[in-house]
């Protein structure tokens, strides 16, 4: 964090809420507030181009998809997204479809986080929202006073001070705002896993209409989709794996081996256009509020991607936070913010549990032996082939009621 004294102020802006971080969570919060007639200013050190050209996968719970539609963000998800009414658990070389619609009457939407961001950024521009991308030298001050501020430098060099009544830190997993909570008062629960995901984008047709979560003796694989001609796939690897050393041929051989089975299933192959290694980490920070500042999304918590909870948790945070901020603003009482954390954290820890459960059930842990692998097969059989197991997976994966 830069010191405000280092940068004389050229422009002062006053808004009820200042949002540090203009990713999906920050922009959705600004949208919720605008619908209630409350102005905000959102900032991000990244340019809009940087954010919207960073490919991020995304599975949206039914409720999150409906929020985009019903609050007027965009209806593009209906044209470019894919509704999934189930998921394929593949183990022992055989596919087992879990029907979400049949089990719990819900579905999910395959709609990349990148597209959620584009829709929200377009909606903020359409509605005249104040969003500043590509800024630098961010300084947050006074969060334990009645006059907190956010200062930053515009791309043209203009130094701006934002005077707000409340500040929201939605500035990602390396959050500056999180560090403003004194270390002596900050609890961080952290878990790093002994494996990672090797992720690829490939120019190939879809291999399946819905996601495939595959367990094999070689380790986990996930077959996802992006469009009719661009697909996202992953396989379990060592956290220190060098993605650059893998040829297209080696990648496809590994993926095919992890999906191989007596049914003869084969992935549709194509050129690999992107390859990355995604480390597995989970984090939860408490408190999620300090003075007149609250944390949301990755600034407060991260979760491993197995259960597709990250984006959904971010959107749920701000759905809970928006009415809390409205009450705090109406009463000019920061103590109203105290109701946010327990409501958000209940869902956060549910999601941590679900993602951890999915992870341990599907991945091969270092040192796993024959007993471990066969125990996993027994667990997968329970999930895929019993009504109770199917319902549990469906309910967890499609999300819980928005009040929970």
Protein backbone atom coordinates (compact mmCIF):
# COMPACT_ATOMS: atom_id res chain seq x y z
CA UNK A 1 0.00 0.00 0.00
CA UNK A 2 1.31 3.42 -0.93
CA UNK A 3 1.27 6.30 1.53
CA UNK A 4 -1.22 9.05 0.61
CA UNK A 5 1.38 11.65 1.55
CA UNK A 6 3.53 10.56 -1.39
CA UNK A 7 0.87 11.60 -3.91
CA UNK A 8 -0.82 15.03 -3.68
CA UNK A 9 -4.54 14.80 -4.47
CA UNK A 10 -5.76 16.33 -7.74
CA UNK A 11 -9.41 15.28 -7.53
CA UNK A 12 -11.78 14.40 -4.68
CA UNK A 13 -14.80 12.13 -5.29
CA UNK A 14 -17.48 11.39 -2.71
CA UNK A 15 -19.58 8.21 -2.91
CA UNK A 16 -21.42 6.09 -0.36
CA UNK A 17 -19.43 2.93 -1.18
CA UNK A 18 -15.93 2.50 -2.60
CA UNK A 19 -15.12 -0.94 -4.00
CA UNK A 20 -11.48 -2.01 -4.31
CA UNK A 21 -11.48 -4.68 -7.00
CA UNK A 22 -13.59 -4.62 -10.17
CA UNK A 23 -13.82 -8.31 -10.96
CA UNK A 24 -17.17 -10.14 -11.01
CA UNK A 25 -17.77 -9.72 -7.26
CA UNK A 26 -16.98 -6.00 -7.17
CA UNK A 27 -19.01 -5.25 -10.28
CA UNK A 28 -21.98 -7.36 -9.18
CA UNK A 29 -22.01 -5.54 -5.84
CA UNK A 30 -21.97 -2.21 -7.68
CA UNK A 31 -24.88 -3.46 -9.78
CA UNK A 32 -26.91 -4.56 -6.74
CA UNK A 33 -26.32 -1.17 -5.07
CA UNK A 34 -27.21 0.77 -8.23
CA UNK A 35 -30.54 -1.08 -8.45
CA UNK A 36 -31.28 0.30 -4.98
CA UNK A 37 -30.29 3.83 -6.00
CA UNK A 38 -26.90 3.84 -4.23
CA UNK A 39 -23.81 5.10 -6.04
CA UNK A 40 -20.44 3.40 -5.81
CA UNK A 41 -17.02 3.68 -7.36
CA UNK A 42 -15.11 0.50 -8.25
CA UNK A 43 -11.40 0.41 -9.06
CA UNK A 44 -8.97 -2.21 -10.30
CA UNK A 45 -5.23 -2.17 -10.96
CA UNK A 46 -5.80 -4.40 -13.98
CA UNK A 47 -7.02 -2.98 -17.26
CA UNK A 48 -10.35 -4.18 -18.56
CA UNK A 49 -8.50 -5.80 -21.47
CA UNK A 50 -6.27 -7.75 -19.07
CA UNK A 51 -9.24 -9.10 -17.14
CA UNK A 52 -11.38 -10.06 -20.10
CA UNK A 53 -8.53 -11.80 -21.94
CA UNK A 54 -7.56 -13.96 -18.96
CA UNK A 55 -9.37 -17.25 -19.61
CA UNK A 56 -11.21 -18.45 -16.52
CA UNK A 57 -13.56 -21.41 -16.41
CA UNK A 58 -16.92 -21.12 -14.77
CA UNK A 59 -19.89 -23.15 -13.60
CA UNK A 60 -22.75 -20.99 -12.34
CA UNK A 61 -25.33 -22.23 -9.90
CA UNK A 62 -28.88 -21.84 -11.11
CA UNK A 63 -29.51 -19.00 -8.63
CA UNK A 64 -26.42 -17.08 -9.78
CA UNK A 65 -27.45 -17.42 -13.42
CA UNK A 66 -30.95 -16.18 -12.58
CA UNK A 67 -29.48 -13.17 -10.78
CA UNK A 68 -27.65 -12.11 -13.94
CA UNK A 69 -30.87 -12.44 -15.92
CA UNK A 70 -33.44 -11.12 -13.49
CA UNK A 71 -31.46 -8.06 -12.34
CA UNK A 72 -30.90 -6.99 -15.94
CA UNK A 73 -27.16 -7.58 -16.22
CA UNK A 74 -27.45 -9.49 -19.50
CA UNK A 75 -29.31 -12.34 -21.15
CA UNK A 76 -26.23 -13.48 -23.09
CA UNK A 77 -25.95 -16.59 -20.93
CA UNK A 78 -29.08 -17.89 -22.66
CA UNK A 79 -27.36 -17.59 -26.06
CA UNK A 80 -23.73 -18.42 -25.27
CA UNK A 81 -24.02 -20.52 -22.11
CA UNK A 82 -24.89 -24.19 -21.73
CA UNK A 83 -27.37 -25.46 -19.18
CA UNK A 84 -26.19 -28.71 -17.59
CA UNK A 85 -28.78 -30.86 -15.85
CA UNK A 86 -26.23 -33.39 -14.65
CA UNK A 87 -22.61 -34.42 -14.41
CA UNK A 88 -20.68 -37.54 -15.35
CA UNK A 89 -18.67 -39.38 -12.68
CA UNK A 90 -16.31 -41.73 -14.49
CA UNK A 91 -14.52 -44.43 -12.50
CA UNK A 92 -13.39 -47.93 -13.25
CA UNK A 93 -13.40 -46.82 -16.87
CA UNK A 94 -17.21 -46.48 -16.90
CA UNK A 95 -19.37 -43.34 -16.92
CA UNK A 96 -22.12 -42.80 -14.35
CA UNK A 97 -24.38 -39.79 -14.93
CA UNK A 98 -25.83 -38.01 -11.90
CA UNK A 99 -29.05 -36.29 -12.96
CA UNK A 100 -29.36 -33.01 -11.06
CA UNK A 101 -32.79 -32.24 -12.43
CA UNK A 102 -34.12 -35.60 -11.30
CA UNK A 103 -32.39 -35.56 -7.91
CA UNK A 104 -33.09 -31.99 -6.76
CA UNK A 105 -34.91 -30.22 -9.60
CA UNK A 106 -31.99 -27.87 -10.32
CA UNK A 107 -29.26 -27.34 -12.89
CA UNK A 108 -26.04 -25.40 -13.43
CA UNK A 109 -24.78 -23.29 -16.30
CA UNK A 110 -21.46 -23.62 -18.09
CA UNK A 111 -20.58 -19.96 -18.52
CA UNK A 112 -16.96 -18.83 -18.10
CA UNK A 113 -16.04 -16.32 -15.43
CA UNK A 114 -14.52 -14.21 -18.18
CA UNK A 115 -17.95 -13.84 -19.78
CA UNK A 116 -19.58 -13.03 -16.44
CA UNK A 117 -17.05 -10.21 -16.08
CA UNK A 118 -17.68 -8.90 -19.60
CA UNK A 119 -21.44 -8.88 -19.02
CA UNK A 120 -21.05 -7.01 -15.73
CA UNK A 121 -18.52 -4.50 -17.11
CA UNK A 122 -20.82 -3.81 -20.07
CA UNK A 123 -23.80 -3.41 -17.72
CA UNK A 124 -21.92 -0.93 -15.52
CA UNK A 125 -20.93 1.10 -18.59
CA UNK A 126 -24.48 0.93 -19.96
CA UNK A 127 -25.94 2.10 -16.64
CA UNK A 128 -23.41 4.91 -16.15
CA UNK A 129 -21.56 3.21 -13.31
CA UNK A 130 -18.21 4.61 -12.19
CA UNK A 131 -15.53 1.93 -12.74
CA UNK A 132 -11.83 2.81 -13.07
CA UNK A 133 -9.55 0.18 -14.59
CA UNK A 134 -5.76 0.25 -14.91
CA UNK A 135 -5.18 2.46 -11.86
CA UNK A 136 -2.13 2.27 -9.57
CA UNK A 137 -0.74 3.42 -6.20
CA UNK A 138 -3.83 2.38 -4.25
CA UNK A 139 -4.00 3.54 -0.63
CA UNK A 140 -6.87 2.78 1.74
CA UNK A 141 -7.02 4.80 4.94
CA UNK A 142 -9.29 5.65 7.85
CA UNK A 143 -11.28 2.42 7.92
CA UNK A 144 -11.68 2.70 11.70
CA UNK A 145 -13.05 6.22 11.42
CA UNK A 146 -16.32 7.60 10.08
CA UNK A 147 -14.52 8.94 7.02
CA UNK A 148 -12.60 6.16 5.25
CA UNK A 149 -10.82 6.98 2.01
CA UNK A 150 -9.37 5.27 -1.03
CA UNK A 151 -6.68 7.08 -3.01
CA UNK A 152 -5.26 6.00 -6.36
CA UNK A 153 -3.56 7.27 -9.50
CA UNK A 154 -5.40 7.26 -12.80
CA UNK A 155 -3.63 6.01 -15.96
CA UNK A 156 -3.16 9.67 -17.02
CA UNK A 157 -1.41 10.47 -13.72
CA UNK A 158 -4.35 12.17 -11.96
CA UNK A 159 -4.29 11.47 -8.23
CA UNK A 160 -7.81 10.80 -6.94
CA UNK A 161 -9.10 10.58 -3.39
CA UNK A 162 -12.42 8.82 -2.85
CA UNK A 163 -14.26 9.72 0.32
CA UNK A 164 -16.73 6.99 1.16
CA UNK A 165 -18.91 5.91 4.04
CA UNK A 166 -17.98 2.26 3.59
CA UNK A 167 -15.24 0.40 1.73
CA UNK A 168 -15.40 -3.10 0.25
CA UNK A 169 -12.22 -5.05 -0.38
CA UNK A 170 -12.85 -7.39 -3.32
CA UNK A 171 -9.29 -7.24 -4.57
CA UNK A 172 -8.46 -10.91 -5.07
CA UNK A 173 -6.43 -13.61 -3.40
CA UNK A 174 -3.41 -11.31 -2.91
CA UNK A 175 -5.67 -8.71 -1.31
CA UNK A 176 -4.16 -5.48 -0.05
CA UNK A 177 -7.36 -4.80 1.90
CA UNK A 178 -7.08 -8.07 3.82
CA UNK A 179 -3.69 -6.93 5.15
CA UNK A 180 -5.28 -3.80 6.62
CA UNK A 181 -6.79 -5.96 9.33
CA UNK A 182 -4.09 -5.97 12.05
CA UNK A 183 -2.19 -9.24 12.09
CA UNK A 184 -2.87 -9.70 15.80
CA UNK A 185 -6.61 -9.72 15.02
CA UNK A 186 -6.50 -11.62 11.74
CA UNK A 187 -7.14 -15.36 11.64
CA UNK A 188 -6.19 -17.15 8.43
CA UNK A 189 -7.00 -20.80 7.88
CA UNK A 190 -4.92 -22.12 5.00
CA UNK A 191 -4.50 -25.45 3.26
CA UNK A 192 -2.12 -26.28 0.40
CA UNK A 193 -2.63 -29.59 -1.38
CA UNK A 194 0.16 -31.92 -2.55
CA UNK A 195 -1.00 -31.87 -6.17
CA UNK A 196 -2.11 -29.42 -8.85
CA UNK A 197 -4.11 -29.34 -12.08
CA UNK A 198 -2.49 -29.26 -15.48
CA UNK A 199 -5.01 -27.21 -17.48
CA UNK A 200 -5.32 -26.85 -21.21
CA UNK A 201 -7.41 -24.99 -23.76
CA UNK A 202 -7.78 -26.90 -26.98
CA UNK A 203 -9.32 -26.18 -30.35
CA UNK A 204 -11.46 -29.28 -30.59
CA UNK A 205 -15.13 -30.25 -30.68
CA UNK A 206 -16.91 -31.18 -27.46
CA UNK A 207 -16.16 -34.67 -26.22
CA UNK A 208 -19.28 -34.79 -24.02
CA UNK A 209 -22.37 -32.62 -23.45
CA UNK A 210 -21.67 -32.22 -19.72
CA UNK A 211 -18.64 -32.20 -17.41
CA UNK A 212 -16.79 -35.47 -16.79
CA UNK A 213 -15.05 -35.95 -13.43
CA UNK A 214 -12.77 -38.93 -13.89
CA UNK A 215 -11.03 -41.08 -11.26
CA UNK A 216 -8.27 -43.45 -12.38
CA UNK A 217 -5.19 -45.14 -11.01
CA UNK A 218 -3.14 -42.51 -12.88
CA UNK A 219 -4.95 -39.68 -11.08
CA UNK A 220 -7.83 -37.31 -11.64
CA UNK A 221 -9.00 -35.68 -14.88
CA UNK A 222 -11.75 -33.18 -15.64
CA UNK A 223 -13.26 -32.74 -19.07
CA UNK A 224 -15.06 -29.43 -19.41
CA UNK A 225 -16.23 -27.32 -22.32
CA UNK A 226 -16.09 -23.71 -23.48
CA UNK A 227 -17.75 -23.48 -26.89
CA UNK A 228 -18.54 -25.81 -29.77
CA UNK A 229 -14.91 -25.52 -30.92
CA UNK A 230 -12.88 -24.59 -27.80
CA UNK A 231 -12.59 -26.88 -24.77
CA UNK A 232 -11.08 -26.72 -21.28
CA UNK A 233 -9.56 -29.87 -19.75
CA UNK A 234 -7.43 -30.70 -16.71
CA UNK A 235 -5.46 -33.58 -15.25
CA UNK A 236 -3.87 -34.00 -11.85
CA UNK A 237 -0.13 -33.31 -11.75
CA UNK A 238 2.71 -32.43 -9.41
CA UNK A 239 2.59 -28.81 -8.16
CA UNK A 240 6.07 -28.21 -9.57
CA UNK A 241 5.27 -29.61 -13.01
CA UNK A 242 6.71 -27.61 -15.93
CA UNK A 243 3.84 -27.09 -18.36
CA UNK A 244 6.19 -26.06 -21.15
CA UNK A 245 7.85 -29.47 -21.36
CA UNK A 246 4.62 -31.22 -22.39
CA UNK A 247 4.01 -31.71 -26.08
CA UNK A 248 0.49 -31.86 -27.47
CA UNK A 249 0.97 -35.56 -28.10
CA UNK A 250 2.01 -36.24 -24.50
CA UNK A 251 -0.92 -34.23 -23.13
CA UNK A 252 -3.46 -36.13 -25.21
CA UNK A 253 -1.88 -39.48 -24.37
CA UNK A 254 -2.19 -38.71 -20.65
CA UNK A 255 -5.76 -37.46 -20.88
CA UNK A 256 -6.87 -40.42 -23.01
CA UNK A 257 -5.26 -42.85 -20.54
CA UNK A 258 -7.14 -41.31 -17.62
CA UNK A 259 -10.49 -41.64 -19.43
CA UNK A 260 -9.86 -45.07 -20.98
CA UNK A 261 -12.30 -47.85 -20.23
CA UNK A 262 -14.13 -50.88 -21.55
CA UNK A 263 -16.75 -48.66 -23.19
CA UNK A 264 -14.09 -47.37 -25.61
CA UNK A 265 -14.61 -43.70 -24.76
CA UNK A 266 -12.21 -41.35 -26.59
CA UNK A 267 -11.70 -37.62 -26.29
CA UNK A 268 -11.92 -35.49 -29.43
CA UNK A 269 -8.42 -34.06 -29.90
CA UNK A 270 -7.12 -30.81 -31.36
CA UNK A 271 -4.29 -28.26 -31.08
CA UNK A 272 -3.48 -27.17 -27.50
CA UNK A 273 -3.60 -23.37 -27.40
CA UNK A 274 -2.87 -22.82 -23.71
CA UNK A 275 -1.30 -24.89 -20.93
CA UNK A 276 -0.97 -23.90 -17.27
CA UNK A 277 -0.36 -25.51 -13.88
CA UNK A 278 -2.96 -24.52 -11.29
CA UNK A 279 -1.87 -25.03 -7.69
CA UNK A 280 -4.44 -26.18 -5.13
CA UNK A 281 -4.89 -23.85 -2.18
CA UNK A 282 -7.75 -23.01 0.15
CA UNK A 283 -7.95 -20.05 2.52
CA UNK A 284 -10.51 -18.48 4.83
CA UNK A 285 -9.90 -15.18 6.62
CA UNK A 286 -11.66 -13.87 9.69
CA UNK A 287 -12.81 -11.31 10.50
CA UNK A 288 -14.33 -10.32 7.17
CA UNK A 289 -14.93 -6.82 8.51
CA UNK A 290 -12.72 -4.24 10.18
CA UNK A 291 -14.23 -0.89 11.06
CA UNK A 292 -15.98 0.44 7.96
CA UNK A 293 -14.30 -2.02 5.60
CA UNK A 294 -15.60 -5.47 4.64
CA UNK A 295 -13.96 -8.20 2.57
CA UNK A 296 -15.63 -10.23 -0.15
CA UNK A 297 -14.77 -12.95 -2.66
CA UNK A 298 -11.13 -14.08 -2.94
CA UNK A 299 -10.00 -11.30 -0.62
CA UNK A 300 -11.76 -13.21 2.17
CA UNK A 301 -11.59 -16.81 0.98
CA UNK A 302 -10.33 -19.06 -1.78
CA UNK A 303 -11.33 -22.64 -2.48
CA UNK A 304 -9.81 -25.39 -4.60
CA UNK A 305 -11.63 -25.68 -7.95
CA UNK A 306 -12.88 -29.28 -7.75
CA UNK A 307 -16.40 -28.36 -6.67
CA UNK A 308 -16.73 -25.25 -8.91
CA UNK A 309 -17.51 -23.08 -5.87
CA UNK A 310 -15.17 -20.08 -6.25
CA UNK A 311 -17.17 -17.79 -8.55
CA UNK A 312 -20.45 -18.81 -6.92
CA UNK A 313 -19.13 -17.95 -3.46
CA UNK A 314 -17.97 -14.56 -4.73
CA UNK A 315 -21.38 -13.76 -6.18
CA UNK A 316 -23.14 -15.02 -3.06
CA UNK A 317 -20.95 -12.83 -0.82
CA UNK A 318 -22.06 -9.66 -2.55
CA UNK A 319 -25.69 -10.77 -2.73
CA UNK A 320 -25.60 -11.03 1.07
CA UNK A 321 -23.53 -7.87 1.46
CA UNK A 322 -25.64 -5.52 -0.66
CA UNK A 323 -28.67 -5.35 1.67
CA UNK A 324 -26.35 -5.15 4.69
CA UNK A 325 -24.67 -2.08 3.19
CA UNK A 326 -28.03 -0.55 2.37
CA UNK A 327 -29.11 -0.88 6.01
CA UNK A 328 -25.79 0.49 7.24
CA UNK A 329 -26.07 3.47 4.91
CA UNK A 330 -29.68 4.16 5.85
CA UNK A 331 -28.85 4.17 9.56
CA UNK A 332 -25.27 5.45 9.21
CA UNK A 333 -24.32 2.64 11.57
CA UNK A 334 -21.25 0.52 10.90
CA UNK A 335 -22.46 -2.08 13.41
CA UNK A 336 -24.98 -3.18 10.78
CA UNK A 337 -21.98 -4.68 8.98
CA UNK A 338 -21.67 -7.28 11.74
CA UNK A 339 -24.52 -9.30 10.22
CA UNK A 340 -22.59 -9.91 6.98
CA UNK A 341 -19.83 -12.23 8.15
CA UNK A 342 -21.89 -15.02 9.76
CA UNK A 343 -24.26 -15.18 6.79
CA UNK A 344 -21.39 -15.35 4.31
CA UNK A 345 -19.20 -17.73 6.30
CA UNK A 346 -21.86 -20.39 6.70
CA UNK A 347 -21.84 -20.90 2.94
CA UNK A 348 -18.05 -20.51 2.70
CA UNK A 349 -17.38 -23.41 5.07
CA UNK A 350 -20.04 -25.55 3.42
CA UNK A 351 -18.28 -24.96 0.12
CA UNK A 352 -14.86 -25.70 1.63
CA UNK A 353 -16.21 -28.99 2.92
CA UNK A 354 -17.81 -29.93 -0.39
CA UNK A 355 -14.74 -29.06 -2.45
CA UNK A 356 -12.45 -30.94 -0.06
CA UNK A 357 -14.76 -33.96 -0.21
CA UNK A 358 -14.77 -33.94 -4.01
CA UNK A 359 -11.00 -33.51 -4.04
CA UNK A 360 -10.19 -36.43 -1.73
CA UNK A 361 -12.71 -38.69 -3.47
CA UNK A 362 -11.36 -38.13 -6.98
CA UNK A 363 -7.63 -37.41 -6.73
CA UNK A 364 -4.79 -39.82 -6.12
CA UNK A 365 -2.95 -38.69 -3.01
CA UNK A 366 0.84 -39.07 -2.85
CA UNK A 367 1.66 -42.50 -1.44
CA UNK A 368 -1.84 -43.87 -2.06
CA UNK A 369 -1.89 -47.66 -2.23
CA UNK A 370 -4.33 -50.23 -3.56
CA UNK A 371 -6.54 -50.01 -0.50
CA UNK A 372 -6.87 -46.22 -0.87
CA UNK A 373 -7.81 -46.46 -4.53
CA UNK A 374 -10.39 -49.17 -3.94
CA UNK A 375 -11.88 -47.28 -1.01
CA UNK A 376 -12.33 -44.31 -3.35
CA UNK A 377 -14.10 -46.59 -5.84
CA UNK A 378 -16.46 -47.69 -3.07
CA UNK A 379 -17.21 -44.08 -2.21
CA UNK A 380 -17.80 -43.18 -5.86
CA UNK A 381 -20.11 -46.17 -6.21
CA UNK A 382 -22.09 -44.95 -3.21
CA UNK A 383 -22.42 -41.49 -4.75
CA UNK A 384 -23.21 -42.53 -8.31
CA UNK A 385 -25.43 -45.54 -7.69
CA UNK A 386 -27.57 -44.73 -4.65
CA UNK A 387 -30.42 -42.23 -4.49
CA UNK A 388 -29.01 -40.62 -1.35
CA UNK A 389 -25.56 -40.26 -2.89
CA UNK A 390 -26.90 -38.72 -6.07
CA UNK A 391 -29.05 -36.30 -4.14
CA UNK A 392 -26.15 -35.22 -1.93
CA UNK A 393 -23.88 -34.50 -4.89
CA UNK A 394 -26.66 -32.74 -6.81
CA UNK A 395 -27.66 -30.53 -3.90
CA UNK A 396 -24.08 -29.54 -3.11
CA UNK A 397 -23.06 -28.96 -6.73
CA UNK A 398 -26.09 -26.92 -7.80
CA UNK A 399 -25.93 -24.81 -4.65
CA UNK A 400 -28.06 -24.19 -1.62
CA UNK A 401 -30.95 -21.77 -1.25
CA UNK A 402 -29.67 -18.18 -1.39
CA UNK A 403 -30.52 -17.64 2.26
CA UNK A 404 -28.11 -20.37 3.31
